[in-house]
Amino acid sequence: MAVVQISCTPIGEGTGGISKYVAGCLKLVEKSGLKYQLTPMGTILEGDLDAIFSLVQQMHESPFNAGAQRVSTLIKIDDRRDKEHTMESKLRSVANQLGN
């Protein structure tokens, strides 16, 4: 199972606010059925890597479909296959190191 962080940012839209574009991407995430977590700096996806890649492409296109002329998409992939690997297990591992 992969854990992927994605941030799709329209560039040069003038207003500075991008929440409408984020909302458009998040609608696609919700429709996908993948587990996710929205953060202030991006969205974290969890699931099968092929399903995530398909969703990433849709998310990248979403701001263009909403009128953006340029989009910068940042993707970070953590794909571990030797043991349980979820958003929760990653947080639990750090908490254990802190003695929590």
Protein backbone atom coordinates (compact mmCIF):
# COMPACT_ATOMS: atom_id res chain seq x y z
CA MET A 1 0.00 0.00 0.00
CA ALA A 2 1.28 3.45 -0.89
CA VAL A 3 1.01 6.72 0.97
CA VAL A 4 1.19 9.68 -1.40
CA GLN A 5 1.20 13.40 -0.74
CA ILE A 6 -0.03 15.63 -3.56
CA SER A 7 -0.38 19.35 -3.98
CA CYS A 8 -1.83 20.85 -7.18
CA THR A 9 -1.25 24.59 -7.36
CA PRO A 10 -2.51 26.89 -10.09
CA ILE A 11 0.04 29.58 -10.90
CA GLY A 12 -0.69 33.15 -11.94
CA GLU A 13 -4.36 33.26 -11.04
CA GLY A 14 -4.02 36.74 -9.56
CA THR A 15 -6.20 36.48 -6.46
CA GLY A 16 -3.77 34.54 -4.29
CA GLY A 17 -6.54 32.25 -3.04
CA ILE A 18 -6.67 28.72 -4.37
CA SER A 19 -9.35 27.14 -2.18
CA LYS A 20 -11.78 26.74 -5.09
CA TYR A 21 -9.16 24.68 -6.93
CA VAL A 22 -8.41 22.61 -3.83
CA ALA A 23 -12.14 21.94 -3.43
CA GLY A 24 -12.34 20.78 -7.05
CA CYS A 25 -9.49 18.32 -6.48
CA LEU A 26 -10.98 17.13 -3.21
CA LYS A 27 -14.28 16.30 -4.90
CA LEU A 28 -12.34 13.91 -7.14
CA VAL A 29 -10.61 12.38 -4.10
CA GLU A 30 -13.93 11.81 -2.34
CA LYS A 31 -15.40 10.26 -5.49
CA SER A 32 -12.41 7.88 -5.78
CA GLY A 33 -13.16 6.14 -2.50
CA LEU A 34 -9.49 6.19 -1.51
CA LYS A 35 -8.58 6.97 2.07
CA TYR A 36 -7.23 10.51 2.36
CA GLN A 37 -6.31 13.30 4.73
CA LEU A 38 -6.52 16.96 3.75
CA THR A 39 -3.74 19.07 5.28
CA PRO A 40 -3.03 22.81 5.06
CA MET A 41 -0.26 22.14 2.54
CA GLY A 42 -1.65 19.29 0.43
CA THR A 43 -3.60 16.05 0.46
CA ILE A 44 -2.34 12.66 1.58
CA LEU A 45 -3.73 9.64 -0.25
CA GLU A 46 -3.53 6.00 0.80
CA GLY A 47 -4.13 2.93 -1.32
CA ASP A 48 -3.19 0.98 -4.40
CA LEU A 49 -0.54 2.86 -6.38
CA ASP A 50 -2.28 2.35 -9.75
CA ALA A 51 -5.52 3.82 -8.37
CA ILE A 52 -3.58 6.73 -6.86
CA PHE A 53 -1.77 7.46 -10.14
CA SER A 54 -5.09 7.57 -11.97
CA LEU A 55 -6.44 9.99 -9.36
CA VAL A 56 -3.26 12.12 -9.48
CA GLN A 57 -3.77 12.66 -13.21
CA GLN A 58 -7.39 13.71 -12.63
CA MET A 59 -6.36 16.05 -9.81
CA HIS A 60 -3.67 17.67 -11.97
CA GLU A 61 -6.24 18.33 -14.71
CA SER A 62 -8.87 19.71 -12.32
CA PRO A 63 -7.47 23.28 -12.01
CA PHE A 64 -7.15 23.47 -15.81
CA ASN A 65 -10.79 22.42 -16.11
CA ALA A 66 -11.64 25.26 -13.69
CA GLY A 67 -9.88 27.86 -15.84
CA ALA A 68 -6.25 27.82 -14.68
CA GLN A 69 -3.67 28.30 -17.42
CA ARG A 70 -0.71 26.85 -15.51
CA VAL A 71 -0.56 24.19 -12.77
CA SER A 72 2.35 22.98 -10.66
CA THR A 73 1.80 19.54 -9.10
CA LEU A 74 4.07 18.17 -6.40
CA ILE A 75 3.89 14.44 -5.65
CA LYS A 76 5.71 12.54 -2.90
CA ILE A 77 5.36 8.74 -2.85
CA ASP A 78 6.13 6.42 0.07
CA ASP A 79 5.57 2.86 -1.15
CA ARG A 80 6.61 0.22 1.39
CA ARG A 81 5.89 -3.42 0.70
CA ASP A 82 7.57 -5.36 3.50
CA LYS A 83 5.04 -4.61 6.28
CA GLU A 84 1.90 -2.67 7.20
CA HIS A 85 2.17 0.79 5.73
CA THR A 86 -0.66 3.25 6.31
CA MET A 87 -0.99 6.86 7.39
CA GLU A 88 -1.85 5.63 10.88
CA SER A 89 1.06 3.18 11.09
CA LYS A 90 3.50 5.94 10.13
CA LEU A 91 2.14 8.22 12.86
CA ARG A 92 2.10 5.36 15.37
CA SER A 93 5.76 4.60 14.65
CA VAL A 94 6.79 8.18 15.43
CA ALA A 95 4.62 8.23 18.57
CA ASN A 96 6.35 5.06 19.75
CA GLN A 97 9.74 6.71 19.28
CA LEU A 98 8.53 9.61 21.43
CA GLY A 99 7.39 7.21 24.14
CA ASN A 100 3.69 8.02 23.66
